[in-house]
Protein backbone atom coordinates (compact mmCIF):
# COMPACT_ATOMS: atom_id res chain seq x y z
CA LYS A 1 109.20 137.03 113.92
CA ALA A 2 109.40 136.37 117.66
CA GLN A 3 112.71 135.36 119.17
CA TYR A 4 113.53 133.68 122.47
CA VAL A 5 117.08 133.18 123.73
CA ALA A 6 118.35 131.29 126.77
CA THR A 7 122.03 130.87 127.61
CA PHE A 8 123.58 129.38 130.74
CA ALA A 9 127.23 128.77 131.56
CA ILE A 10 128.98 127.46 134.63
CA ALA A 11 132.66 127.13 135.47
CA SER A 12 134.17 125.22 138.35
CA SER A 13 137.28 123.22 139.09
CA TYR A 14 138.49 120.56 141.49
CA VAL A 15 141.63 122.66 141.97
CA SER A 16 140.23 126.15 142.51
CA PRO A 17 137.71 126.89 145.28
CA GLN A 18 135.99 129.47 143.06
CA ALA A 19 133.01 128.83 140.78
CA LYS A 20 131.07 131.13 138.47
CA ALA A 21 127.73 130.91 136.68
CA PHE A 22 126.08 133.16 134.12
CA LEU A 23 122.52 133.33 132.76
CA PHE A 24 121.00 135.33 129.92
CA LEU A 25 117.32 135.23 128.90
CA GLU A 26 115.75 137.35 126.19
CA LYS A 27 112.28 137.65 124.71
CA SER A 28 111.68 139.65 121.54
CA PRO A 29 107.99 139.46 120.55
CA ALA A 30 106.92 139.56 116.90
CA GLN A 31 104.92 142.71 117.58
CA THR A 32 105.62 145.11 120.40
CA SER A 33 102.68 146.42 122.41
CA SER A 34 102.09 147.69 125.92
CA GLU A 35 101.34 144.08 127.02
CA SER A 36 104.14 142.44 125.06
CA ARG A 37 107.46 144.23 125.13
CA PRO A 38 110.96 142.86 124.72
CA TRP A 39 112.80 142.01 127.93
CA GLN A 40 116.05 140.54 129.16
CA VAL A 41 117.23 138.88 132.33
CA CYS A 42 120.95 138.70 133.10
CA ALA A 43 122.51 137.01 136.10
CA ALA A 44 126.10 136.51 137.18
CA SER A 45 127.10 134.61 140.29
CA SER A 46 130.34 133.69 141.94
CA ALA A 47 131.07 131.46 144.89
CA TYR A 48 134.08 130.63 147.00
CA ALA A 49 133.72 127.12 148.40
CA PRO A 50 136.88 125.60 149.87
CA ASN A 51 137.83 122.13 148.70
CA VAL A 52 137.06 119.76 151.56
CA PRO A 53 139.17 116.57 151.58
CA LEU A 54 136.96 113.76 150.32
CA MET A 55 139.18 110.77 151.00
CA ASN A 56 140.16 111.47 154.61
CA PHE A 57 137.24 111.54 157.04
CA ALA A 58 139.18 113.13 159.91
CA LYS A 59 140.50 115.93 157.70
CA ALA A 60 137.05 116.44 156.19
CA MET A 61 135.49 116.80 159.64
CA ASN A 62 138.13 119.37 160.66
CA ALA A 63 137.97 121.35 157.41
CA ASP A 64 136.11 124.64 157.29
CA PRO A 65 133.49 124.34 154.52
CA THR A 66 132.30 127.96 154.85
CA THR A 67 131.12 129.16 151.45
CA TYR A 68 130.71 132.76 150.32
CA PHE A 69 128.59 133.73 147.33
CA GLN A 70 127.40 136.74 145.37
CA VAL A 71 124.63 136.96 142.78
CA GLN A 72 123.94 139.97 140.57
CA LEU A 73 120.64 140.05 138.71
CA SER A 74 119.46 142.58 136.15
CA ALA A 75 116.08 142.57 134.39
CA GLY A 76 114.32 144.94 132.04
CA GLU A 77 114.01 145.80 128.37
CA GLN A 78 117.81 145.73 128.30
CA CYS A 79 119.98 144.38 131.12
CA ASN A 80 122.55 147.14 130.84
CA HIS A 81 120.04 149.98 130.51
CA GLY A 82 119.59 152.43 133.38
CA SER A 83 115.91 151.53 133.78
CA ALA A 84 116.65 147.83 134.37
CA THR A 85 115.94 146.44 137.81
CA GLN A 86 119.15 145.54 139.65
CA VAL A 87 119.40 143.07 142.54
CA THR A 88 122.56 141.99 144.36
CA LEU A 89 122.69 139.18 146.91
CA LYS A 90 125.70 138.40 149.06
CA GLY A 91 125.78 135.52 151.46
CA LYS A 92 127.72 133.14 153.62
CA LEU A 93 126.92 129.48 154.19
CA LYS A 94 128.48 128.13 157.36
CA GLN A 95 128.28 124.68 158.93
CA SER A 96 126.90 124.84 162.46
CA GLU A 97 128.50 123.02 165.36
CA GLU A 98 125.24 121.07 165.75
CA ARG A 99 125.52 119.80 162.16
CA LYS A 100 129.15 118.82 162.69
CA GLN A 101 128.18 116.84 165.82
CA TYR A 102 125.29 115.19 163.98
CA LEU A 103 127.61 114.06 161.17
CA ALA A 104 130.22 112.78 163.62
CA HIS A 105 127.66 110.49 165.28
CA GLU A 106 126.06 109.13 162.11
CA PRO A 107 126.34 105.31 161.78
CA LEU A 108 128.13 105.66 158.44
CA ALA A 109 130.64 108.05 160.02
CA GLN A 110 131.31 105.53 162.80
CA LEU A 111 131.87 102.80 160.21
CA CYS A 112 134.23 105.07 158.30
CA LYS A 113 136.27 105.74 161.46
CA ARG A 114 136.55 102.01 162.21
CA GLU A 115 137.61 101.24 158.64
CA MET A 116 140.29 103.94 158.76
CA GLN A 117 141.61 102.64 162.10
CA GLU A 118 141.94 99.21 160.51
CA GLY A 119 143.90 100.71 157.62
CA ASN A 120 141.19 100.28 155.01
């Protein structure tokens, strides 16, 4: 009997700037052969993304939205076996000054500024 398993979980919060996600995939064929062997894929990721103020345009524009992330991936007949392929990615997502200027001059941003000046 062949078996296929897929599990995904994600955790995030409006309070904490940290988020995590996990993935598990498994294939167990009915009959094992050189072309069809069992395998697993496991992934764990974490990210730190600061909470940017959503209701105050000026504070949102001055906030630092820099996000850091890490992903660990393992694949093979068993994820935790020494012969499994291991990949680790680490990264940083940063808003450029050009993007910040673009957003500041958007028509919707200008409307938002006017509305806030009028107390709306």
